Amino acid sequence: MTITGKILRFDEFRGYGFIAPDDGGEDVFMHANDLVDEKHLFQPGSKVEFVPEYGDKGPKASEVRIVQRSAVVRTHAPGPAADSGDDTMCDVLSISEFRQELTEALVEVGGTLTADQIKQVRRRVLELAQAHNWIES
């Protein structure tokens, strides 16, 4: 059974990334050894099709193929929001947006973190963010 999703992040040099499944749920780890197409084609925002597997460390994608390439390629994570000068208002992200931003930040600065460690940290920070109403529920 194959499912589809969108690439959240893929580091061609480290050889791994994450996919957000279209049907929701936990992000899926993808490794370069499981890519059917050339590594350079796997860019954030690209739609992919893959066979889900469930291992000791969580969901993993195998037989990953490009269905539709991303129209815009982001070369780096977005910076912090511009200061509007109004301390009473801030951006409130959806859970999905927050999870994506957090994953990108952890992958960028935590080169030695495993996919399982990233998922554990992300899960705990998400709980904290929900408890403080930093994100939409």
N, C-alpha and C. Protein backbone atom coordinates (compact mmCIF):
# COMPACT_ATOMS: atom_id res chain seq x y z
N MET A 1 0.84 -1.17 0.00
CA MET A 1 0.00 0.00 0.00
C MET A 1 0.89 1.25 0.00
N THR A 2 0.65 2.16 -0.91
CA THR A 2 1.41 3.41 -0.93
C THR A 2 0.54 4.55 -0.43
N ILE A 3 1.19 5.54 0.16
CA ILE A 3 0.49 6.75 0.56
C ILE A 3 1.28 7.95 0.03
N THR A 4 0.65 9.10 0.05
CA THR A 4 1.30 10.31 -0.45
C THR A 4 1.53 11.29 0.69
N GLY A 5 2.43 12.21 0.44
CA GLY A 5 2.74 13.24 1.41
C GLY A 5 3.60 14.31 0.79
N LYS A 6 3.98 15.27 1.61
CA LYS A 6 4.79 16.39 1.15
C LYS A 6 6.10 16.39 1.93
N ILE A 7 7.20 16.62 1.23
CA ILE A 7 8.50 16.67 1.90
C ILE A 7 8.57 17.94 2.74
N LEU A 8 8.85 17.76 4.02
CA LEU A 8 9.04 18.91 4.91
C LEU A 8 10.48 19.40 4.81
N ARG A 9 11.40 18.44 4.82
CA ARG A 9 12.81 18.77 4.78
C ARG A 9 13.57 17.55 4.28
N PHE A 10 14.60 17.80 3.46
CA PHE A 10 15.49 16.72 3.04
C PHE A 10 16.88 17.30 2.88
N ASP A 11 17.84 16.73 3.58
CA ASP A 11 19.23 17.16 3.51
C ASP A 11 19.97 16.17 2.61
N GLU A 12 20.28 16.60 1.41
CA GLU A 12 20.92 15.74 0.42
C GLU A 12 22.27 15.23 0.90
N PHE A 13 22.99 16.02 1.67
CA PHE A 13 24.33 15.64 2.12
C PHE A 13 24.28 14.66 3.29
N ARG A 14 23.36 14.88 4.21
CA ARG A 14 23.21 13.94 5.33
C ARG A 14 22.41 12.71 4.92
N GLY A 15 21.60 12.87 3.88
CA GLY A 15 20.88 11.73 3.33
C GLY A 15 19.58 11.36 4.02
N TYR A 16 18.96 12.32 4.71
CA TYR A 16 17.68 12.01 5.32
C TYR A 16 16.79 13.24 5.40
N GLY A 17 15.52 13.00 5.68
CA GLY A 17 14.56 14.08 5.82
C GLY A 17 13.26 13.56 6.38
N PHE A 18 12.20 14.38 6.24
CA PHE A 18 10.90 14.01 6.79
C PHE A 18 9.79 14.35 5.81
N ILE A 19 8.75 13.53 5.84
CA ILE A 19 7.57 13.69 4.99
C ILE A 19 6.36 13.89 5.90
N ALA A 20 5.49 14.84 5.54
CA ALA A 20 4.21 15.02 6.23
C ALA A 20 3.17 14.27 5.41
N PRO A 21 2.61 13.18 5.94
CA PRO A 21 1.61 12.42 5.18
C PRO A 21 0.37 13.27 4.90
N ASP A 22 -0.22 13.10 3.71
CA ASP A 22 -1.42 13.85 3.34
C ASP A 22 -2.60 13.53 4.25
N ASP A 23 -2.63 12.32 4.77
CA ASP A 23 -3.75 11.92 5.64
C ASP A 23 -3.53 12.32 7.10
N GLY A 24 -2.49 13.10 7.36
CA GLY A 24 -2.20 13.56 8.72
C GLY A 24 -1.38 12.55 9.49
N GLY A 25 -1.27 12.77 10.76
CA GLY A 25 -0.50 11.86 11.60
C GLY A 25 0.94 12.30 11.72
N GLU A 26 1.73 11.42 12.31
CA GLU A 26 3.13 11.71 12.61
C GLU A 26 3.96 11.83 11.33
N ASP A 27 4.93 12.75 11.33
CA ASP A 27 5.84 12.88 10.20
C ASP A 27 6.60 11.57 10.02
N VAL A 28 6.97 11.29 8.77
CA VAL A 28 7.62 10.03 8.42
C VAL A 28 9.07 10.29 8.03
N PHE A 29 9.97 9.53 8.62
CA PHE A 29 11.40 9.62 8.32
C PHE A 29 11.67 9.04 6.94
N MET A 30 12.52 9.71 6.16
CA MET A 30 12.93 9.18 4.85
C MET A 30 14.45 9.19 4.76
N HIS A 31 15.02 8.15 4.18
CA HIS A 31 16.47 8.03 4.04
C HIS A 31 16.82 7.92 2.57
N ALA A 32 17.98 8.44 2.20
CA ALA A 32 18.43 8.45 0.80
C ALA A 32 18.46 7.05 0.19
N ASN A 33 18.71 6.03 0.98
CA ASN A 33 18.75 4.66 0.45
C ASN A 33 17.39 4.17 -0.02
N ASP A 34 16.32 4.86 0.39
CA ASP A 34 14.97 4.45 0.03
C ASP A 34 14.36 5.30 -1.08
N LEU A 35 15.17 6.16 -1.70
CA LEU A 35 14.67 7.04 -2.76
C LEU A 35 14.76 6.34 -4.11
N VAL A 36 13.68 6.41 -4.88
CA VAL A 36 13.66 5.80 -6.21
C VAL A 36 14.28 6.75 -7.23
N ASP A 37 14.05 8.06 -7.05
CA ASP A 37 14.57 9.08 -7.97
C ASP A 37 15.89 9.65 -7.44
N GLU A 38 16.52 10.50 -8.23
CA GLU A 38 17.78 11.13 -7.84
C GLU A 38 17.59 12.02 -6.60
N LYS A 39 18.57 12.00 -5.70
CA LYS A 39 18.48 12.75 -4.44
C LYS A 39 18.20 14.24 -4.64
N HIS A 40 18.81 14.84 -5.64
CA HIS A 40 18.67 16.29 -5.81
C HIS A 40 17.24 16.71 -6.15
N LEU A 41 16.39 15.77 -6.56
CA LEU A 41 15.01 16.09 -6.89
C LEU A 41 14.12 16.23 -5.65
N PHE A 42 14.57 15.73 -4.52
CA PHE A 42 13.77 15.73 -3.30
C PHE A 42 13.96 17.04 -2.56
N GLN A 43 13.01 17.95 -2.76
CA GLN A 43 13.06 19.29 -2.19
C GLN A 43 11.85 19.53 -1.30
N PRO A 44 11.96 20.39 -0.27
CA PRO A 44 10.80 20.71 0.56
C PRO A 44 9.63 21.19 -0.30
N GLY A 45 8.45 20.69 0.01
CA GLY A 45 7.25 21.06 -0.73
C GLY A 45 6.90 20.09 -1.84
N SER A 46 7.83 19.24 -2.25
CA SER A 46 7.54 18.27 -3.31
C SER A 46 6.59 17.20 -2.79
N LYS A 47 5.66 16.80 -3.65
CA LYS A 47 4.72 15.73 -3.30
C LYS A 47 5.37 14.40 -3.65
N VAL A 48 5.30 13.45 -2.73
CA VAL A 48 5.91 12.14 -2.92
C VAL A 48 4.91 11.03 -2.63
N GLU A 49 5.24 9.86 -3.14
CA GLU A 49 4.48 8.64 -2.88
C GLU A 49 5.46 7.67 -2.25
N PHE A 50 5.02 6.93 -1.24
CA PHE A 50 5.94 6.02 -0.56
C PHE A 50 5.19 4.87 0.10
N VAL A 51 5.95 3.85 0.44
CA VAL A 51 5.42 2.70 1.17
C VAL A 51 5.78 2.92 2.64
N PRO A 52 4.78 3.01 3.51
CA PRO A 52 5.07 3.23 4.94
C PRO A 52 5.53 1.94 5.61
N GLU A 53 6.51 2.10 6.49
CA GLU A 53 6.98 1.00 7.31
C GLU A 53 7.00 1.50 8.75
N TYR A 54 6.81 0.61 9.69
CA TYR A 54 6.81 1.00 11.09
C TYR A 54 7.83 0.17 11.83
N GLY A 55 8.88 0.84 12.30
CA GLY A 55 9.96 0.15 12.99
C GLY A 55 10.04 0.57 14.44
N ASP A 56 11.13 0.19 15.08
CA ASP A 56 11.35 0.51 16.49
C ASP A 56 11.41 2.01 16.75
N LYS A 57 11.86 2.78 15.77
CA LYS A 57 12.04 4.22 15.95
C LYS A 57 10.88 5.03 15.37
N GLY A 58 9.80 4.38 14.95
CA GLY A 58 8.66 5.09 14.41
C GLY A 58 8.49 4.89 12.92
N PRO A 59 7.62 5.70 12.30
CA PRO A 59 7.32 5.52 10.88
C PRO A 59 8.50 5.89 9.98
N LYS A 60 8.68 5.08 8.93
CA LYS A 60 9.78 5.27 7.98
C LYS A 60 9.22 5.03 6.58
N ALA A 61 9.69 5.80 5.61
CA ALA A 61 9.24 5.67 4.23
C ALA A 61 10.22 4.81 3.43
N SER A 62 9.68 3.94 2.59
CA SER A 62 10.52 3.20 1.65
C SER A 62 9.93 3.38 0.26
N GLU A 63 10.73 3.09 -0.76
CA GLU A 63 10.32 3.24 -2.16
C GLU A 63 9.72 4.62 -2.42
N VAL A 64 10.44 5.66 -2.03
CA VAL A 64 9.95 7.04 -2.13
C VAL A 64 10.14 7.56 -3.55
N ARG A 65 9.05 8.02 -4.18
CA ARG A 65 9.09 8.56 -5.54
C ARG A 65 8.47 9.96 -5.57
N ILE A 66 9.01 10.77 -6.45
CA ILE A 66 8.46 12.11 -6.67
C ILE A 66 7.17 11.99 -7.47
N VAL A 67 6.10 12.62 -7.00
CA VAL A 67 4.84 12.68 -7.73
C VAL A 67 4.73 14.04 -8.41
N GLN A 68 5.11 15.09 -7.67
CA GLN A 68 5.07 16.45 -8.20
C GLN A 68 6.16 17.25 -7.51
N ARG A 69 7.02 17.87 -8.31
CA ARG A 69 8.12 18.67 -7.75
C ARG A 69 7.61 19.99 -7.21
N SER A 70 8.30 20.49 -6.22
CA SER A 70 7.97 21.76 -5.60
C SER A 70 8.19 22.90 -6.58
N ALA A 71 7.27 23.86 -6.58
CA ALA A 71 7.41 25.02 -7.47
C ALA A 71 8.46 25.98 -6.94
N VAL A 72 8.57 26.07 -5.62
CA VAL A 72 9.53 26.98 -4.99
C VAL A 72 10.45 26.16 -4.12
N VAL A 73 11.74 26.37 -4.27
CA VAL A 73 12.73 25.66 -3.46
C VAL A 73 13.26 26.62 -2.42
N ARG A 74 13.06 26.28 -1.15
CA ARG A 74 13.57 27.11 -0.07
C ARG A 74 14.95 26.61 0.29
N THR A 75 15.95 27.48 0.27
CA THR A 75 17.32 27.06 0.52
C THR A 75 17.70 27.12 1.99
N HIS A 76 16.91 27.80 2.82
CA HIS A 76 17.19 27.86 4.25
C HIS A 76 15.89 28.05 5.01
N ALA A 77 15.95 27.79 6.28
CA ALA A 77 14.77 27.95 7.12
C ALA A 77 14.44 29.43 7.22
N PRO A 78 13.15 29.75 7.34
CA PRO A 78 12.78 31.16 7.46
C PRO A 78 13.30 31.75 8.76
N GLY A 79 13.58 33.03 8.73
CA GLY A 79 14.05 33.72 9.92
C GLY A 79 12.89 34.07 10.82
N PRO A 80 13.19 34.67 11.94
CA PRO A 80 12.12 35.07 12.85
C PRO A 80 11.23 36.13 12.21
N ALA A 81 10.00 36.20 12.64
CA ALA A 81 9.07 37.18 12.11
C ALA A 81 9.59 38.59 12.39
N ALA A 82 9.31 39.50 11.49
CA ALA A 82 9.75 40.88 11.66
C ALA A 82 9.07 41.49 12.88
N ASP A 83 9.79 42.32 13.59
CA ASP A 83 9.26 42.97 14.78
C ASP A 83 8.29 44.06 14.35
N SER A 84 7.03 43.91 14.75
CA SER A 84 6.02 44.89 14.37
C SER A 84 5.97 46.06 15.34
N GLY A 85 6.70 45.95 16.46
CA GLY A 85 6.67 47.01 17.45
C GLY A 85 5.50 46.90 18.41
N ASP A 86 4.60 45.96 18.18
CA ASP A 86 3.44 45.76 19.03
C ASP A 86 3.65 44.51 19.87
N ASP A 87 3.92 44.69 21.16
CA ASP A 87 4.22 43.56 22.04
C ASP A 87 3.00 42.73 22.39
N THR A 88 1.80 43.19 22.07
CA THR A 88 0.60 42.47 22.47
C THR A 88 0.17 41.42 21.46
N MET A 89 0.65 41.46 20.25
CA MET A 89 0.23 40.52 19.21
C MET A 89 1.42 39.69 18.73
N CYS A 90 1.16 38.45 18.37
CA CYS A 90 2.19 37.61 17.79
C CYS A 90 1.53 36.61 16.86
N ASP A 91 2.32 35.98 16.01
CA ASP A 91 1.80 34.94 15.14
C ASP A 91 1.52 33.70 15.96
N VAL A 92 0.37 33.10 15.74
CA VAL A 92 0.04 31.83 16.37
C VAL A 92 0.00 30.81 15.26
N LEU A 93 0.89 29.82 15.36
CA LEU A 93 1.01 28.81 14.32
C LEU A 93 0.05 27.66 14.56
N SER A 94 -0.33 27.00 13.46
CA SER A 94 -1.08 25.76 13.61
C SER A 94 -0.12 24.69 14.12
N ILE A 95 -0.65 23.58 14.59
CA ILE A 95 0.20 22.49 15.08
C ILE A 95 1.12 22.02 13.97
N SER A 96 0.59 21.87 12.76
CA SER A 96 1.39 21.41 11.62
C SER A 96 2.52 22.39 11.30
N GLU A 97 2.20 23.69 11.27
CA GLU A 97 3.22 24.70 10.99
C GLU A 97 4.31 24.71 12.07
N PHE A 98 3.88 24.61 13.33
CA PHE A 98 4.83 24.60 14.44
C PHE A 98 5.73 23.38 14.36
N ARG A 99 5.14 22.21 14.08
CA ARG A 99 5.90 20.96 13.98
C ARG A 99 6.94 21.08 12.86
N GLN A 100 6.55 21.65 11.72
CA GLN A 100 7.48 21.80 10.60
C GLN A 100 8.62 22.74 10.96
N GLU A 101 8.31 23.88 11.55
CA GLU A 101 9.35 24.85 11.92
C GLU A 101 10.31 24.24 12.94
N LEU A 102 9.75 23.54 13.93
CA LEU A 102 10.58 22.93 14.96
C LEU A 102 11.47 21.83 14.38
N THR A 103 10.92 21.00 13.50
CA THR A 103 11.71 19.94 12.87
C THR A 103 12.87 20.53 12.09
N GLU A 104 12.60 21.56 11.30
CA GLU A 104 13.66 22.19 10.52
C GLU A 104 14.74 22.76 11.43
N ALA A 105 14.34 23.39 12.53
CA ALA A 105 15.32 23.96 13.45
C ALA A 105 16.16 22.87 14.10
N LEU A 106 15.54 21.77 14.51
CA LEU A 106 16.28 20.68 15.15
C LEU A 106 17.23 20.00 14.18
N VAL A 107 16.79 19.79 12.95
CA VAL A 107 17.67 19.15 11.96
C VAL A 107 18.84 20.06 11.62
N GLU A 108 18.56 21.37 11.53
CA GLU A 108 19.61 22.33 11.16
C GLU A 108 20.69 22.44 12.23
N VAL A 109 20.31 22.50 13.49
CA VAL A 109 21.30 22.69 14.55
C VAL A 109 21.73 21.40 15.23
N GLY A 110 20.97 20.36 15.08
CA GLY A 110 21.26 19.11 15.78
C GLY A 110 21.74 18.02 14.85
N GLY A 111 22.85 18.22 14.18
CA GLY A 111 23.35 17.27 13.20
C GLY A 111 23.53 15.86 13.71
N THR A 112 23.68 15.69 15.01
CA THR A 112 23.89 14.34 15.54
C THR A 112 22.62 13.74 16.13
N LEU A 113 21.51 14.47 16.10
CA LEU A 113 20.26 13.92 16.62
C LEU A 113 19.74 12.84 15.68
N THR A 114 19.24 11.76 16.26
CA THR A 114 18.60 10.72 15.45
C THR A 114 17.16 11.13 15.19
N ALA A 115 16.53 10.47 14.24
CA ALA A 115 15.12 10.75 13.95
C ALA A 115 14.27 10.52 15.19
N ASP A 116 14.57 9.48 15.95
CA ASP A 116 13.83 9.17 17.16
C ASP A 116 13.99 10.28 18.20
N GLN A 117 15.20 10.80 18.35
CA GLN A 117 15.44 11.89 19.30
C GLN A 117 14.70 13.16 18.87
N ILE A 118 14.72 13.45 17.58
CA ILE A 118 14.00 14.62 17.07
C ILE A 118 12.51 14.48 17.37
N LYS A 119 11.96 13.31 17.15
CA LYS A 119 10.53 13.09 17.41
C LYS A 119 10.20 13.25 18.89
N GLN A 120 11.07 12.75 19.78
CA GLN A 120 10.84 12.86 21.22
C GLN A 120 10.88 14.32 21.66
N VAL A 121 11.88 15.06 21.21
CA VAL A 121 12.00 16.48 21.56
C VAL A 121 10.80 17.24 21.01
N ARG A 122 10.46 16.97 19.76
CA ARG A 122 9.35 17.68 19.12
C ARG A 122 8.03 17.41 19.85
N ARG A 123 7.80 16.18 20.25
CA ARG A 123 6.58 15.81 20.97
C ARG A 123 6.48 16.58 22.29
N ARG A 124 7.59 16.66 23.03
CA ARG A 124 7.57 17.35 24.32
C ARG A 124 7.40 18.86 24.16
N VAL A 125 8.08 19.45 23.19
CA VAL A 125 7.96 20.89 22.95
C VAL A 125 6.54 21.22 22.48
N LEU A 126 5.94 20.35 21.68
CA LEU A 126 4.57 20.55 21.23
C LEU A 126 3.60 20.54 22.42
N GLU A 127 3.80 19.62 23.37
CA GLU A 127 2.98 19.59 24.58
C GLU A 127 3.12 20.90 25.36
N LEU A 128 4.35 21.37 25.49
CA LEU A 128 4.63 22.62 26.19
C LEU A 128 3.94 23.80 25.49
N ALA A 129 4.06 23.85 24.17
CA ALA A 129 3.46 24.94 23.40
C ALA A 129 1.93 24.93 23.52
N GLN A 130 1.33 23.75 23.53
CA GLN A 130 -0.12 23.66 23.69
C GLN A 130 -0.55 24.09 25.10
N ALA A 131 0.23 23.71 26.11
CA ALA A 131 -0.10 24.07 27.49
C ALA A 131 -0.08 25.58 27.70
N HIS A 132 0.76 26.29 26.95
CA HIS A 132 0.88 27.74 27.09
C HIS A 132 0.09 28.50 26.01
N ASN A 133 -0.68 27.77 25.20
CA ASN A 133 -1.47 28.37 24.11
C ASN A 133 -0.60 29.16 23.13
N TRP A 134 0.59 28.64 22.86
CA TRP A 134 1.47 29.27 21.88
C TRP A 134 1.09 28.88 20.46
N ILE A 135 0.31 27.82 20.33
CA ILE A 135 -0.13 27.34 19.01
C ILE A 135 -1.62 27.08 19.05
N GLU A 136 -2.23 27.02 17.85
CA GLU A 136 -3.65 26.69 17.76
C GLU A 136 -3.84 25.22 18.10
N SER A 137 -4.91 24.91 18.78
CA SER A 137 -5.18 23.51 19.15
C SER A 137 -5.95 22.80 18.07
